[in-house]
Amino acid sequence: MALNLTLKPYERIVVNGCMMRNGGRKSTLTIENRADIIRETDLLKPEAAATPVRAAYFLIQSALIYPERRDKLASAAQQQLAKLATAFGTELRSHVFEAANNVSQSEYFAALRQLRPLIKREDEVLGPPPGEDASAGDQTRIST
């Protein structure tokens, strides 16, 4: 099944490790086969990876973006996720296990999605990272 991506003007995406930017108009891309794709809006800035969940998110994101380092990054992500398994109650712990399962199946974007509720909870407990207001939640983004 094809994936249709509608991009805003000048929106960036990473496809199979290649950063691309849309032109000055809204456009739609149809991806007809499997590719590693992530929108700029889903990317975490390196300096925001200062908490345990965000560190795991950043490792998984990096595995998605840098295929040449994927094995090492995925292994580090699994280790970080293992540390998180005992940090959350039953309700949120399943997200950690699902993320780990997705990483083991090379479904990195799905793993990132599983971590979003944990980032929200982490922000409730620890507060948002410096430079991010409390209402931003998981809106910290990369600028490259």
C-alpha atoms as a PDB file:
ATOM      1  CA  MET A   1       0.000   0.000   0.000  1.00  0.00           C
ATOM      2  CA  ALA A   2       1.340   3.431  -0.945  1.00  0.00           C
ATOM      3  CA  LEU A   3       2.042   6.206   1.548  1.00  0.00           C
ATOM      4  CA  ASN A   4       0.848   9.692   0.604  1.00  0.00           C
ATOM      5  CA  LEU A   5       2.734  12.530   2.284  1.00  0.00           C
ATOM      6  CA  THR A   6       1.382  16.039   1.993  1.00  0.00           C
ATOM      7  CA  LEU A   7       4.181  18.491   2.633  1.00  0.00           C
ATOM      8  CA  LYS A   8       3.854  22.113   3.624  1.00  0.00           C
ATOM      9  CA  PRO A   9       5.956  24.707   1.813  1.00  0.00           C
ATOM     10  CA  TYR A  10       9.651  24.268   2.737  1.00  0.00           C
ATOM     11  CA  GLU A  11       8.880  21.327   5.033  1.00  0.00           C
ATOM     12  CA  ARG A  12      11.776  18.904   5.449  1.00  0.00           C
ATOM     13  CA  ILE A  13      11.683  15.125   5.471  1.00  0.00           C
ATOM     14  CA  VAL A  14      14.346  12.463   5.742  1.00  0.00           C
ATOM     15  CA  VAL A  15      13.990   9.580   3.297  1.00  0.00           C
ATOM     16  CA  ASN A  16      16.420   6.671   3.649  1.00  0.00           C
ATOM     17  CA  GLY A  17      18.905   8.941   5.393  1.00  0.00           C
ATOM     18  CA  CYS A  18      18.667  11.788   2.875  1.00  0.00           C
ATOM     19  CA  MET A  19      17.371  15.170   4.132  1.00  0.00           C
ATOM     20  CA  MET A  20      15.027  16.757   1.592  1.00  0.00           C
ATOM     21  CA  ARG A  21      13.124  20.031   1.586  1.00  0.00           C
ATOM     22  CA  ASN A  22       9.858  20.750  -0.176  1.00  0.00           C
ATOM     23  CA  GLY A  23       9.654  23.750  -2.474  1.00  0.00           C
ATOM     24  CA  GLY A  24       7.615  26.883  -1.913  1.00  0.00           C
ATOM     25  CA  ARG A  25       4.258  25.216  -2.473  1.00  0.00           C
ATOM     26  CA  LYS A  26       2.264  22.534  -0.728  1.00  0.00           C
ATOM     27  CA  SER A  27       2.803  19.224  -2.488  1.00  0.00           C
ATOM     28  CA  THR A  28       1.989  15.555  -2.127  1.00  0.00           C
ATOM     29  CA  LEU A  29       4.452  12.712  -2.548  1.00  0.00           C
ATOM     30  CA  THR A  30       3.395   9.123  -3.044  1.00  0.00           C
ATOM     31  CA  ILE A  31       5.848   6.573  -1.671  1.00  0.00           C
ATOM     32  CA  GLU A  32       5.119   3.325  -3.485  1.00  0.00           C
ATOM     33  CA  ASN A  33       7.511   0.964  -1.724  1.00  0.00           C
ATOM     34  CA  ARG A  34       9.079   0.605   1.711  1.00  0.00           C
ATOM     35  CA  ALA A  35      11.354   3.455   2.783  1.00  0.00           C
ATOM     36  CA  ASP A  36      12.549   4.923   6.060  1.00  0.00           C
ATOM     37  CA  ILE A  37      10.767   8.277   6.260  1.00  0.00           C
ATOM     38  CA  ILE A  38      10.489  10.833   9.039  1.00  0.00           C
ATOM     39  CA  ARG A  39       9.179  14.377   8.931  1.00  0.00           C
ATOM     40  CA  GLU A  40      11.135  17.243  10.404  1.00  0.00           C
ATOM     41  CA  THR A  41       8.296  17.785  12.892  1.00  0.00           C
ATOM     42  CA  ASP A  42       8.963  14.332  14.382  1.00  0.00           C
ATOM     43  CA  LEU A  43      12.692  14.870  14.869  1.00  0.00           C
ATOM     44  CA  LEU A  44      14.122  15.560  18.313  1.00  0.00           C
ATOM     45  CA  LYS A  45      16.997  18.031  18.665  1.00  0.00           C
ATOM     46  CA  PRO A  46      20.188  16.455  20.058  1.00  0.00           C
ATOM     47  CA  GLU A  47      20.256  18.827  23.046  1.00  0.00           C
ATOM     48  CA  ALA A  48      16.706  17.791  23.977  1.00  0.00           C
ATOM     49  CA  ALA A  49      17.776  14.159  24.481  1.00  0.00           C
ATOM     50  CA  ALA A  50      18.732  14.869  28.108  1.00  0.00           C
ATOM     51  CA  THR A  51      16.091  12.686  29.776  1.00  0.00           C
ATOM     52  CA  PRO A  52      15.852   8.882  29.742  1.00  0.00           C
ATOM     53  CA  VAL A  53      12.865   8.607  27.387  1.00  0.00           C
ATOM     54  CA  ARG A  54      14.109  11.340  25.072  1.00  0.00           C
ATOM     55  CA  ALA A  55      17.521   9.631  24.970  1.00  0.00           C
ATOM     56  CA  ALA A  56      15.832   6.425  23.782  1.00  0.00           C
ATOM     57  CA  TYR A  57      13.782   8.421  21.248  1.00  0.00           C
ATOM     58  CA  PHE A  58      16.927  10.086  19.924  1.00  0.00           C
ATOM     59  CA  LEU A  59      18.749   6.756  19.548  1.00  0.00           C
ATOM     60  CA  ILE A  60      15.820   5.263  17.621  1.00  0.00           C
ATOM     61  CA  GLN A  61      15.492   8.392  15.500  1.00  0.00           C
ATOM     62  CA  SER A  62      19.213   8.190  14.723  1.00  0.00           C
ATOM     63  CA  ALA A  63      18.869   4.526  13.716  1.00  0.00           C
ATOM     64  CA  LEU A  64      16.148   5.580  11.298  1.00  0.00           C
ATOM     65  CA  ILE A  65      18.183   8.440   9.822  1.00  0.00           C
ATOM     66  CA  TYR A  66      21.643   6.826   9.660  1.00  0.00           C
ATOM     67  CA  PRO A  67      21.317   3.378   8.083  1.00  0.00           C
ATOM     68  CA  GLU A  68      25.104   2.897   8.031  1.00  0.00           C
ATOM     69  CA  ARG A  69      25.137   2.998  11.870  1.00  0.00           C
ATOM     70  CA  ARG A  70      21.776   1.340  12.395  1.00  0.00           C
ATOM     71  CA  ASP A  71      22.900  -1.880  14.085  1.00  0.00           C
ATOM     72  CA  LYS A  72      24.929  -0.081  16.743  1.00  0.00           C
ATOM     73  CA  LEU A  73      22.246   2.559  17.344  1.00  0.00           C
ATOM     74  CA  ALA A  74      19.437  -0.002  17.529  1.00  0.00           C
ATOM     75  CA  SER A  75      21.407  -1.996  20.082  1.00  0.00           C
ATOM     76  CA  ALA A  76      21.992   1.126  22.187  1.00  0.00           C
ATOM     77  CA  ALA A  77      18.283   1.982  21.892  1.00  0.00           C
ATOM     78  CA  GLN A  78      17.319  -1.502  23.108  1.00  0.00           C
ATOM     79  CA  GLN A  79      19.619  -1.086  26.116  1.00  0.00           C
ATOM     80  CA  GLN A  80      18.053   2.285  26.929  1.00  0.00           C
ATOM     81  CA  LEU A  81      14.550   0.834  26.558  1.00  0.00           C
ATOM     82  CA  ALA A  82      15.472  -2.024  28.906  1.00  0.00           C
ATOM     83  CA  LYS A  83      16.379   0.560  31.552  1.00  0.00           C
ATOM     84  CA  LEU A  84      13.001   2.250  31.051  1.00  0.00           C
ATOM     85  CA  ALA A  85      11.000  -0.968  31.477  1.00  0.00           C
ATOM     86  CA  THR A  86      10.950  -0.627  35.259  1.00  0.00           C
ATOM     87  CA  ALA A  87      10.476   3.152  35.352  1.00  0.00           C
ATOM     88  CA  PHE A  88       6.796   3.196  34.417  1.00  0.00           C
ATOM     89  CA  GLY A  89       3.628   1.690  35.825  1.00  0.00           C
ATOM     90  CA  THR A  90       1.702  -1.029  34.054  1.00  0.00           C
ATOM     91  CA  GLU A  91      -0.329   1.372  31.946  1.00  0.00           C
ATOM     92  CA  LEU A  92       2.681   3.030  30.310  1.00  0.00           C
ATOM     93  CA  ARG A  93       5.141   0.125  30.496  1.00  0.00           C
ATOM     94  CA  SER A  94       3.467  -1.519  27.504  1.00  0.00           C
ATOM     95  CA  HIS A  95       4.681   1.410  25.371  1.00  0.00           C
ATOM     96  CA  VAL A  96       8.274   0.572  26.317  1.00  0.00           C
ATOM     97  CA  PHE A  97       7.789  -3.076  25.328  1.00  0.00           C
ATOM     98  CA  GLU A  98       6.053  -2.148  22.072  1.00  0.00           C
ATOM     99  CA  ALA A  99       8.847   0.285  21.219  1.00  0.00           C
ATOM    100  CA  ALA A 100      11.462  -2.413  21.899  1.00  0.00           C
ATOM    101  CA  ASN A 101       9.519  -4.888  19.764  1.00  0.00           C
ATOM    102  CA  ASN A 102       9.286  -2.361  16.931  1.00  0.00           C
ATOM    103  CA  VAL A 103      13.033  -1.659  17.101  1.00  0.00           C
ATOM    104  CA  SER A 104      13.755  -5.397  16.907  1.00  0.00           C
ATOM    105  CA  GLN A 105      11.599  -5.550  13.757  1.00  0.00           C
ATOM    106  CA  SER A 106      13.297  -2.457  12.237  1.00  0.00           C
ATOM    107  CA  GLU A 107      10.043  -0.505  12.515  1.00  0.00           C
ATOM    108  CA  TYR A 108      11.717   2.603  13.866  1.00  0.00           C
ATOM    109  CA  PHE A 109       8.974   5.141  13.207  1.00  0.00           C
ATOM    110  CA  ALA A 110       6.442   2.908  14.968  1.00  0.00           C
ATOM    111  CA  ALA A 111       8.857   2.707  17.923  1.00  0.00           C
ATOM    112  CA  LEU A 112       9.038   6.508  18.044  1.00  0.00           C
ATOM    113  CA  ARG A 113       5.235   6.707  18.131  1.00  0.00           C
ATOM    114  CA  GLN A 114       5.186   4.362  21.133  1.00  0.00           C
ATOM    115  CA  LEU A 115       7.492   6.687  23.055  1.00  0.00           C
ATOM    116  CA  ARG A 116       5.374   9.840  22.679  1.00  0.00           C
ATOM    117  CA  PRO A 117       3.057   9.070  25.651  1.00  0.00           C
ATOM    118  CA  LEU A 118       6.159   8.348  27.746  1.00  0.00           C
ATOM    119  CA  ILE A 119       7.707  11.697  26.796  1.00  0.00           C
ATOM    120  CA  LYS A 120       4.484  13.377  27.856  1.00  0.00           C
ATOM    121  CA  ARG A 121       4.574  11.594  31.228  1.00  0.00           C
ATOM    122  CA  GLU A 122       8.262  12.315  31.653  1.00  0.00           C
ATOM    123  CA  ASP A 123       7.569  16.028  31.063  1.00  0.00           C
ATOM    124  CA  GLU A 124       4.795  15.919  33.695  1.00  0.00           C
ATOM    125  CA  VAL A 125       7.219  14.476  36.250  1.00  0.00           C
ATOM    126  CA  LEU A 126      10.502  16.184  35.346  1.00  0.00           C
ATOM    127  CA  GLY A 127       9.241  19.261  33.546  1.00  0.00           C
ATOM    128  CA  PRO A 128      10.031  20.052  29.927  1.00  0.00           C
ATOM    129  CA  PRO A 129      13.683  20.324  28.853  1.00  0.00           C
ATOM    130  CA  PRO A 130      15.300  23.783  28.965  1.00  0.00           C
ATOM    131  CA  GLY A 131      14.169  25.975  26.114  1.00  0.00           C
ATOM    132  CA  GLU A 132      10.829  24.198  25.746  1.00  0.00           C
ATOM    133  CA  ASP A 133       7.666  25.543  27.320  1.00  0.00           C
ATOM    134  CA  ALA A 134       5.335  23.257  29.232  1.00  0.00           C
ATOM    135  CA  SER A 135       2.651  23.360  26.539  1.00  0.00           C
ATOM    136  CA  ALA A 136       5.025  22.179  23.806  1.00  0.00           C
ATOM    137  CA  GLY A 137       5.031  18.556  24.974  1.00  0.00           C
ATOM    138  CA  ASP A 138       6.821  16.523  22.338  1.00  0.00           C
ATOM    139  CA  GLN A 139       7.154  19.450  19.966  1.00  0.00           C
ATOM    140  CA  THR A 140      10.948  19.823  20.321  1.00  0.00           C
ATOM    141  CA  ARG A 141      12.301  19.608  16.816  1.00  0.00           C
ATOM    142  CA  ILE A 142      15.581  19.472  14.940  1.00  0.00           C
ATOM    143  CA  SER A 143      16.784  22.211  12.660  1.00  0.00           C
ATOM    144  CA  THR A 144      19.357  21.160  10.101  1.00  0.00           C
END
